[in-house]
């Protein structure tokens, strides 16, 4: 049932027992003549395809998060040095 195209996707996400296929018989037979009734790509293949399509965005987000973390480390080091300076006086 997880490969079938669902008629009530939103409802099925909340309660998988209520999932209703668009065409259950065609989906279970997996005929090449009815590819609209089941998902022919697997989850891993679809995820890799999505990652390749959106690679620039994913890389940009990763670089942005890395820059924020480096800025946070630099800020923490400066703050620690400032606290040490106040302790000496």
PDB file of N, CA and C in Angstrom:
ATOM      1  N   UNK A   1       0.818  -1.196   0.000  1.00  0.00           N
ATOM      2  CA  UNK A   1       0.000   0.000   0.000  1.00  0.00           C
ATOM      3  C   UNK A   1       0.863   1.261   0.000  1.00  0.00           C
ATOM      4  N   UNK A   2       2.104   1.169   0.505  1.00  0.00           N
ATOM      5  CA  UNK A   2       2.954   2.356   0.577  1.00  0.00           C
ATOM      6  C   UNK A   2       3.408   2.819  -0.810  1.00  0.00           C
ATOM      7  N   UNK A   3       3.374   1.953  -1.807  1.00  0.00           N
ATOM      8  CA  UNK A   3       3.760   2.334  -3.164  1.00  0.00           C
ATOM      9  C   UNK A   3       2.588   2.869  -3.985  1.00  0.00           C
ATOM     10  N   UNK A   4       1.376   2.670  -3.500  1.00  0.00           N
ATOM     11  CA  UNK A   4       0.192   3.109  -4.249  1.00  0.00           C
ATOM     12  C   UNK A   4       0.012   4.625  -4.158  1.00  0.00           C
ATOM     13  N   UNK A   5      -0.483   5.215  -5.241  1.00  0.00           N
ATOM     14  CA  UNK A   5      -0.860   6.627  -5.216  1.00  0.00           C
ATOM     15  C   UNK A   5      -2.148   6.717  -4.409  1.00  0.00           C
ATOM     16  N   UNK A   6      -2.134   7.568  -3.380  1.00  0.00           N
ATOM     17  CA  UNK A   6      -3.265   7.631  -2.465  1.00  0.00           C
ATOM     18  C   UNK A   6      -4.254   8.715  -2.853  1.00  0.00           C
ATOM     19  N   UNK A   7      -5.495   8.438  -2.589  1.00  0.00           N
ATOM     20  CA  UNK A   7      -6.588   9.371  -2.841  1.00  0.00           C
ATOM     21  C   UNK A   7      -6.696  10.370  -1.685  1.00  0.00           C
ATOM     22  N   UNK A   8      -6.375   9.941  -0.472  1.00  0.00           N
ATOM     23  CA  UNK A   8      -6.511  10.762   0.728  1.00  0.00           C
ATOM     24  C   UNK A   8      -5.178  10.854   1.472  1.00  0.00           C
ATOM     25  N   UNK A   9      -4.189  11.441   0.837  1.00  0.00           N
ATOM     26  CA  UNK A   9      -2.830  11.480   1.383  1.00  0.00           C
ATOM     27  C   UNK A   9      -2.775  12.160   2.745  1.00  0.00           C
ATOM     28  N   UNK A  10      -3.446  13.305   2.897  1.00  0.00           N
ATOM     29  CA  UNK A  10      -3.412  14.036   4.160  1.00  0.00           C
ATOM     30  C   UNK A  10      -3.983  13.229   5.308  1.00  0.00           C
ATOM     31  N   UNK A  11      -5.102  12.575   5.069  1.00  0.00           N
ATOM     32  CA  UNK A  11      -5.742  11.758   6.101  1.00  0.00           C
ATOM     33  C   UNK A  11      -4.904  10.517   6.403  1.00  0.00           C
ATOM     34  N   UNK A  12      -4.277   9.959   5.389  1.00  0.00           N
ATOM     35  CA  UNK A  12      -3.462   8.754   5.570  1.00  0.00           C
ATOM     36  C   UNK A  12      -2.189   9.053   6.347  1.00  0.00           C
ATOM     37  N   UNK A  13      -1.664  10.285   6.256  1.00  0.00           N
ATOM     38  CA  UNK A  13      -0.479  10.643   7.023  1.00  0.00           C
ATOM     39  C   UNK A  13      -0.777  10.642   8.512  1.00  0.00           C
ATOM     40  N   UNK A  14      -1.992  11.033   8.882  1.00  0.00           N
ATOM     41  CA  UNK A  14      -2.377  11.041  10.291  1.00  0.00           C
ATOM     42  C   UNK A  14      -2.727   9.638  10.788  1.00  0.00           C
ATOM     43  N   UNK A  15      -3.414   8.872   9.972  1.00  0.00           N
ATOM     44  CA  UNK A  15      -3.810   7.517  10.350  1.00  0.00           C
ATOM     45  C   UNK A  15      -3.601   6.587   9.151  1.00  0.00           C
ATOM     46  N   UNK A  16      -2.471   5.867   9.103  1.00  0.00           N
ATOM     47  CA  UNK A  16      -2.157   5.010   7.956  1.00  0.00           C
ATOM     48  C   UNK A  16      -3.212   3.948   7.660  1.00  0.00           C
ATOM     49  N   UNK A  17      -4.011   3.572   8.643  1.00  0.00           N
ATOM     50  CA  UNK A  17      -5.040   2.555   8.413  1.00  0.00           C
ATOM     51  C   UNK A  17      -6.155   3.068   7.509  1.00  0.00           C
ATOM     52  N   UNK A  18      -6.274   4.390   7.377  1.00  0.00           N
ATOM     53  CA  UNK A  18      -7.335   4.975   6.551  1.00  0.00           C
ATOM     54  C   UNK A  18      -6.876   5.245   5.111  1.00  0.00           C
ATOM     55  N   UNK A  19      -5.678   4.804   4.764  1.00  0.00           N
ATOM     56  CA  UNK A  19      -5.149   5.050   3.426  1.00  0.00           C
ATOM     57  C   UNK A  19      -6.012   4.366   2.373  1.00  0.00           C
ATOM     58  N   UNK A  20      -6.354   5.130   1.322  1.00  0.00           N
ATOM     59  CA  UNK A  20      -7.162   4.589   0.226  1.00  0.00           C
ATOM     60  C   UNK A  20      -6.446   4.858  -1.087  1.00  0.00           C
ATOM     61  N   UNK A  21      -6.141   3.790  -1.814  1.00  0.00           N
ATOM     62  CA  UNK A  21      -5.445   3.931  -3.095  1.00  0.00           C
ATOM     63  C   UNK A  21      -6.401   4.446  -4.163  1.00  0.00           C
ATOM     64  N   UNK A  22      -5.829   5.147  -5.149  1.00  0.00           N
ATOM     65  CA  UNK A  22      -6.622   5.633  -6.279  1.00  0.00           C
ATOM     66  C   UNK A  22      -7.206   4.449  -7.028  1.00  0.00           C
ATOM     67  N   UNK A  23      -6.375   3.453  -7.313  1.00  0.00           N
ATOM     68  CA  UNK A  23      -6.830   2.245  -7.991  1.00  0.00           C
ATOM     69  C   UNK A  23      -6.075   1.071  -7.379  1.00  0.00           C
ATOM     70  N   UNK A  24      -6.635   0.482  -6.328  1.00  0.00           N
ATOM     71  CA  UNK A  24      -5.956  -0.557  -5.563  1.00  0.00           C
ATOM     72  C   UNK A  24      -5.626  -1.786  -6.399  1.00  0.00           C
ATOM     73  N   UNK A  25      -6.528  -2.221  -7.232  1.00  0.00           N
ATOM     74  CA  UNK A  25      -6.303  -3.418  -8.038  1.00  0.00           C
ATOM     75  C   UNK A  25      -5.126  -3.210  -8.998  1.00  0.00           C
ATOM     76  N   UNK A  26      -5.114  -2.100  -9.701  1.00  0.00           N
ATOM     77  CA  UNK A  26      -4.022  -1.819 -10.638  1.00  0.00           C
ATOM     78  C   UNK A  26      -2.704  -1.642  -9.894  1.00  0.00           C
ATOM     79  N   UNK A  27      -2.763  -1.046  -8.711  1.00  0.00           N
ATOM     80  CA  UNK A  27      -1.547  -0.838  -7.927  1.00  0.00           C
ATOM     81  C   UNK A  27      -0.948  -2.161  -7.478  1.00  0.00           C
ATOM     82  N   UNK A  28      -1.778  -3.061  -7.011  1.00  0.00           N
ATOM     83  CA  UNK A  28      -1.285  -4.350  -6.535  1.00  0.00           C
ATOM     84  C   UNK A  28      -0.769  -5.228  -7.663  1.00  0.00           C
ATOM     85  N   UNK A  29      -1.291  -5.048  -8.865  1.00  0.00           N
ATOM     86  CA  UNK A  29      -0.820  -5.832 -10.003  1.00  0.00           C
ATOM     87  C   UNK A  29       0.476  -5.257 -10.566  1.00  0.00           C
ATOM     88  N   UNK A  30       0.749  -3.980 -10.321  1.00  0.00           N
ATOM     89  CA  UNK A  30       1.954  -3.296 -10.792  1.00  0.00           C
ATOM     90  C   UNK A  30       2.170  -3.459 -12.293  1.00  0.00           C
ATOM     91  N   UNK A  31       1.120  -3.224 -13.040  1.00  0.00           N
ATOM     92  CA  UNK A  31       1.221  -3.290 -14.495  1.00  0.00           C
ATOM     93  C   UNK A  31       1.911  -2.047 -15.021  1.00  0.00           C
ATOM     94  N   UNK A  32       2.746  -2.211 -16.023  1.00  0.00           N
ATOM     95  CA  UNK A  32       3.385  -1.053 -16.647  1.00  0.00           C
ATOM     96  C   UNK A  32       2.383  -0.223 -17.433  1.00  0.00           C
ATOM     97  N   UNK A  33       1.224  -0.784 -17.697  1.00  0.00           N
ATOM     98  CA  UNK A  33       0.218  -0.043 -18.454  1.00  0.00           C
ATOM     99  C   UNK A  33      -0.510   0.976 -17.581  1.00  0.00           C
ATOM    100  N   UNK A  34      -0.389   0.859 -16.257  1.00  0.00           N
ATOM    101  CA  UNK A  34      -1.058   1.794 -15.342  1.00  0.00           C
ATOM    102  C   UNK A  34      -0.066   2.422 -14.363  1.00  0.00           C
ATOM    103  N   UNK A  35       0.942   3.154 -14.855  1.00  0.00           N
ATOM    104  CA  UNK A  35       1.949   3.718 -13.944  1.00  0.00           C
ATOM    105  C   UNK A  35       1.410   4.857 -13.080  1.00  0.00           C
ATOM    106  N   UNK A  36       0.200   5.336 -13.350  1.00  0.00           N
ATOM    107  CA  UNK A  36      -0.347   6.424 -12.555  1.00  0.00           C
ATOM    108  C   UNK A  36      -0.966   5.939 -11.253  1.00  0.00           C
ATOM    109  N   UNK A  37      -1.042   4.638 -11.050  1.00  0.00           N
ATOM    110  CA  UNK A  37      -1.670   4.117  -9.844  1.00  0.00           C
ATOM    111  C   UNK A  37      -0.653   3.726  -8.762  1.00  0.00           C
ATOM    112  N   UNK A  38       0.648   3.716  -9.102  1.00  0.00           N
ATOM    113  CA  UNK A  38       1.662   3.390  -8.105  1.00  0.00           C
ATOM    114  C   UNK A  38       2.923   4.209  -8.373  1.00  0.00           C
ATOM    115  N   UNK A  39       3.719   4.377  -7.318  1.00  0.00           N
ATOM    116  CA  UNK A  39       4.987   5.101  -7.418  1.00  0.00           C
ATOM    117  C   UNK A  39       6.060   4.137  -7.897  1.00  0.00           C
ATOM    118  N   UNK A  40       6.623   4.412  -9.058  1.00  0.00           N
ATOM    119  CA  UNK A  40       7.602   3.487  -9.617  1.00  0.00           C
ATOM    120  C   UNK A  40       9.005   3.708  -9.068  1.00  0.00           C
ATOM    121  N   UNK A  41       9.293   4.895  -8.521  1.00  0.00           N
ATOM    122  CA  UNK A  41      10.603   5.165  -7.935  1.00  0.00           C
ATOM    123  C   UNK A  41      10.564   4.844  -6.448  1.00  0.00           C
ATOM    124  N   UNK A  42      11.656   4.289  -5.945  1.00  0.00           N
ATOM    125  CA  UNK A  42      11.752   3.993  -4.520  1.00  0.00           C
ATOM    126  C   UNK A  42      12.107   5.242  -3.727  1.00  0.00           C
ATOM    127  N   UNK A  43      12.033   5.137  -2.414  1.00  0.00           N
ATOM    128  CA  UNK A  43      12.291   6.286  -1.538  1.00  0.00           C
ATOM    129  C   UNK A  43      13.730   6.786  -1.664  1.00  0.00           C
ATOM    130  N   UNK A  44      14.692   5.875  -1.664  1.00  0.00           N
ATOM    131  CA  UNK A  44      16.095   6.275  -1.736  1.00  0.00           C
ATOM    132  C   UNK A  44      16.384   6.970  -3.061  1.00  0.00           C
ATOM    133  N   UNK A  45      15.905   6.413  -4.145  1.00  0.00           N
ATOM    134  CA  UNK A  45      16.119   7.001  -5.467  1.00  0.00           C
ATOM    135  C   UNK A  45      15.492   8.389  -5.556  1.00  0.00           C
ATOM    136  N   UNK A  46      14.293   8.534  -5.013  1.00  0.00           N
ATOM    137  CA  UNK A  46      13.601   9.819  -5.038  1.00  0.00           C
ATOM    138  C   UNK A  46      14.329  10.852  -4.172  1.00  0.00           C
ATOM    139  N   UNK A  47      14.836  10.439  -3.006  1.00  0.00           N
ATOM    140  CA  UNK A  47      15.561  11.339  -2.116  1.00  0.00           C
ATOM    141  C   UNK A  47      16.865  11.807  -2.756  1.00  0.00           C
ATOM    142  N   UNK A  48      17.592  10.893  -3.388  1.00  0.00           N
ATOM    143  CA  UNK A  48      18.833  11.270  -4.075  1.00  0.00           C
ATOM    144  C   UNK A  48      18.550  12.213  -5.241  1.00  0.00           C
ATOM    145  N   UNK A  49      17.493  11.975  -5.963  1.00  0.00           N
ATOM    146  CA  UNK A  49      17.107  12.853  -7.061  1.00  0.00           C
ATOM    147  C   UNK A  49      16.777  14.255  -6.542  1.00  0.00           C
ATOM    148  N   UNK A  50      16.055  14.326  -5.431  1.00  0.00           N
ATOM    149  CA  UNK A  50      15.710  15.621  -4.827  1.00  0.00           C
ATOM    150  C   UNK A  50      16.976  16.358  -4.375  1.00  0.00           C
ATOM    151  N   UNK A  51      17.905  15.618  -3.734  1.00  0.00           N
ATOM    152  CA  UNK A  51      19.143  16.229  -3.251  1.00  0.00           C
ATOM    153  C   UNK A  51      19.984  16.753  -4.415  1.00  0.00           C
ATOM    154  N   UNK A  52      20.043  16.010  -5.519  1.00  0.00           N
ATOM    155  CA  UNK A  52      20.810  16.460  -6.676  1.00  0.00           C
ATOM    156  C   UNK A  52      20.169  17.683  -7.321  1.00  0.00           C
ATOM    157  N   UNK A  53      18.855  17.713  -7.360  1.00  0.00           N
ATOM    158  CA  UNK A  53      18.151  18.840  -7.962  1.00  0.00           C
ATOM    159  C   UNK A  53      18.338  20.108  -7.138  1.00  0.00           C
ATOM    160  N   UNK A  54      18.361  19.975  -5.824  1.00  0.00           N
ATOM    161  CA  UNK A  54      18.442  21.132  -4.932  1.00  0.00           C
ATOM    162  C   UNK A  54      19.812  21.244  -4.260  1.00  0.00           C
ATOM    163  N   UNK A  55      20.854  20.734  -4.903  1.00  0.00           N
ATOM    164  CA  UNK A  55      22.190  20.707  -4.310  1.00  0.00           C
ATOM    165  C   UNK A  55      22.707  22.099  -3.986  1.00  0.00           C
ATOM    166  N   UNK A  56      22.506  23.064  -4.860  1.00  0.00           N
ATOM    167  CA  UNK A  56      23.020  24.419  -4.629  1.00  0.00           C
ATOM    168  C   UNK A  56      22.387  25.018  -3.380  1.00  0.00           C
ATOM    169  N   UNK A  57      21.100  24.833  -3.208  1.00  0.00           N
ATOM    170  CA  UNK A  57      20.414  25.359  -2.025  1.00  0.00           C
ATOM    171  C   UNK A  57      20.918  24.663  -0.766  1.00  0.00           C
ATOM    172  N   UNK A  58      21.070  23.346  -0.813  1.00  0.00           N
ATOM    173  CA  UNK A  58      21.546  22.602   0.348  1.00  0.00           C
ATOM    174  C   UNK A  58      22.968  23.001   0.724  1.00  0.00           C
ATOM    175  N   UNK A  59      23.826  23.200  -0.269  1.00  0.00           N
ATOM    176  CA  UNK A  59      25.196  23.634  -0.006  1.00  0.00           C
ATOM    177  C   UNK A  59      25.197  25.039   0.589  1.00  0.00           C
ATOM    178  N   UNK A  60      24.370  25.926   0.057  1.00  0.00           N
ATOM    179  CA  UNK A  60      24.275  27.291   0.584  1.00  0.00           C
ATOM    180  C   UNK A  60      23.820  27.318   2.027  1.00  0.00           C
ATOM    181  N   UNK A  61      22.831  26.507   2.346  1.00  0.00           N
ATOM    182  CA  UNK A  61      22.348  26.440   3.726  1.00  0.00           C
ATOM    183  C   UNK A  61      23.443  25.896   4.639  1.00  0.00           C
ATOM    184  N   UNK A  62      24.164  24.889   4.188  1.00  0.00           N
ATOM    185  CA  UNK A  62      25.263  24.326   4.980  1.00  0.00           C
ATOM    186  C   UNK A  62      26.361  25.339   5.234  1.00  0.00           C
ATOM    187  N   UNK A  63      26.732  26.096   4.199  1.00  0.00           N
ATOM    188  CA  UNK A  63      27.763  27.130   4.359  1.00  0.00           C
ATOM    189  C   UNK A  63      27.265  28.229   5.293  1.00  0.00           C
ATOM    190  N   UNK A  64      25.997  28.608   5.175  1.00  0.00           N
ATOM    191  CA  UNK A  64      25.432  29.627   6.058  1.00  0.00           C
ATOM    192  C   UNK A  64      25.462  29.197   7.518  1.00  0.00           C
ATOM    193  N   UNK A  65      25.093  27.956   7.778  1.00  0.00           N
ATOM    194  CA  UNK A  65      25.121  27.446   9.159  1.00  0.00           C
ATOM    195  C   UNK A  65      26.557  27.385   9.672  1.00  0.00           C
ATOM    196  N   UNK A  66      27.498  26.969   8.824  1.00  0.00           N
ATOM    197  CA  UNK A  66      28.905  26.909   9.228  1.00  0.00           C
ATOM    198  C   UNK A  66      29.431  28.304   9.567  1.00  0.00           C
ATOM    199  N   UNK A  67      29.057  29.319   8.774  1.00  0.00           N
ATOM    200  CA  UNK A  67      29.490  30.698   9.052  1.00  0.00           C
ATOM    201  C   UNK A  67      28.920  31.187  10.373  1.00  0.00           C
ATOM    202  N   UNK A  68      27.665  30.871  10.644  1.00  0.00           N
ATOM    203  CA  UNK A  68      27.074  31.264  11.930  1.00  0.00           C
ATOM    204  C   UNK A  68      27.793  30.605  13.101  1.00  0.00           C
ATOM    205  N   UNK A  69      28.158  29.348  12.937  1.00  0.00           N
ATOM    206  CA  UNK A  69      28.869  28.649  14.011  1.00  0.00           C
ATOM    207  C   UNK A  69      30.260  29.243  14.232  1.00  0.00           C
ATOM    208  N   UNK A  70      30.962  29.561  13.158  1.00  0.00           N
ATOM    209  CA  UNK A  70      32.291  30.181  13.288  1.00  0.00           C
ATOM    210  C   UNK A  70      32.169  31.545  13.949  1.00  0.00           C
ATOM    211  N   UNK A  71      31.150  32.333  13.547  1.00  0.00           N
ATOM    212  CA  UNK A  71      30.924  33.632  14.175  1.00  0.00           C
ATOM    213  C   UNK A  71      30.647  33.457  15.667  1.00  0.00           C
ATOM    214  N   UNK A  72      29.874  32.450  16.038  1.00  0.00           N
ATOM    215  CA  UNK A  72      29.582  32.181  17.441  1.00  0.00           C
ATOM    216  C   UNK A  72      30.827  31.809  18.231  1.00  0.00           C
ATOM    217  N   UNK A  73      31.707  31.020  17.632  1.00  0.00           N
ATOM    218  CA  UNK A  73      32.956  30.636  18.307  1.00  0.00           C
ATOM    219  C   UNK A  73      33.835  31.863  18.514  1.00  0.00           C
ATOM    220  N   UNK A  74      33.965  32.689  17.477  1.00  0.00           N
ATOM    221  CA  UNK A  74      34.777  33.910  17.590  1.00  0.00           C
ATOM    222  C   UNK A  74      34.202  34.838  18.662  1.00  0.00           C
ATOM    223  N   UNK A  75      32.879  35.002  18.681  1.00  0.00           N
ATOM    224  CA  UNK A  75      32.235  35.845  19.680  1.00  0.00           C
ATOM    225  C   UNK A  75      32.470  35.299  21.088  1.00  0.00           C
ATOM    226  N   UNK A  76      32.375  33.976  21.255  1.00  0.00           N
ATOM    227  CA  UNK A  76      32.605  33.369  22.566  1.00  0.00           C
ATOM    228  C   UNK A  76      34.045  33.561  23.021  1.00  0.00           C
ATOM    229  N   UNK A  77      34.996  33.428  22.110  1.00  0.00           N
ATOM    230  CA  UNK A  77      36.407  33.632  22.459  1.00  0.00           C
ATOM    231  C   UNK A  77      36.639  35.077  22.883  1.00  0.00           C
ATOM    232  N   UNK A  78      36.086  36.030  22.131  1.00  0.00           N
ATOM    233  CA  UNK A  78      36.238  37.449  22.483  1.00  0.00           C
ATOM    234  C   UNK A  78      35.606  37.733  23.842  1.00  0.00           C
ATOM    235  N   UNK A  79      34.457  37.151  24.104  1.00  0.00           N
ATOM    236  CA  UNK A  79      33.778  37.351  25.378  1.00  0.00           C
ATOM    237  C   UNK A  79      34.594  36.778  26.531  1.00  0.00           C
ATOM    238  N   UNK A  80      35.171  35.601  26.343  1.00  0.00           N
ATOM    239  CA  UNK A  80      36.011  34.993  27.382  1.00  0.00           C
ATOM    240  C   UNK A  80      37.253  35.835  27.641  1.00  0.00           C
ATOM    241  N   UNK A  81      37.863  36.360  26.605  1.00  0.00           N
ATOM    242  CA  UNK A  81      39.049  37.199  26.771  1.00  0.00           C
ATOM    243  C   UNK A  81      38.697  38.475  27.511  1.00  0.00           C
ATOM    244  N   UNK A  82      37.536  39.047  27.219  1.00  0.00           N
ATOM    245  CA  UNK A  82      37.102  40.277  27.885  1.00  0.00           C
ATOM    246  C   UNK A  82      36.852  40.032  29.371  1.00  0.00           C
ATOM    247  N   UNK A  83      36.274  38.888  29.716  1.00  0.00           N
ATOM    248  CA  UNK A  83      36.025  38.542  31.115  1.00  0.00           C
ATOM    249  C   UNK A  83      37.358  38.360  31.839  1.00  0.00           C
ATOM    250  N   UNK A  84      38.346  37.739  31.198  1.00  0.00           N
ATOM    251  CA  UNK A  84      39.671  37.575  31.812  1.00  0.00           C
ATOM    252  C   UNK A  84      40.328  38.918  32.045  1.00  0.00           C
ATOM    253  N   UNK A  85      40.152  39.865  31.150  1.00  0.00           N
ATOM    254  CA  UNK A  85      40.725  41.210  31.296  1.00  0.00           C
ATOM    255  C   UNK A  85      40.111  41.918  32.511  1.00  0.00           C
ATOM    256  N   UNK A  86      38.820  41.777  32.715  1.00  0.00           N
ATOM    257  CA  UNK A  86      38.147  42.423  33.847  1.00  0.00           C
ATOM    258  C   UNK A  86      38.611  41.819  35.171  1.00  0.00           C
ATOM    259  N   UNK A  87      38.919  40.528  35.204  1.00  0.00           N
ATOM    260  CA  UNK A  87      39.368  39.873  36.427  1.00  0.00           C
ATOM    261  C   UNK A  87      40.753  40.375  36.857  1.00  0.00           C
ATOM    262  N   UNK A  88      41.587  40.789  35.916  1.00  0.00           N
ATOM    263  CA  UNK A  88      42.935  41.228  36.224  1.00  0.00           C
ATOM    264  C   UNK A  88      42.936  42.614  36.869  1.00  0.00           C
ATOM    265  N   UNK A  89      41.929  43.425  36.609  1.00  0.00           N
ATOM    266  CA  UNK A  89      41.913  44.780  37.153  1.00  0.00           C
ATOM    267  C   UNK A  89      41.103  44.855  38.381  1.00  0.00           C
TER     268      UNK A  89
END
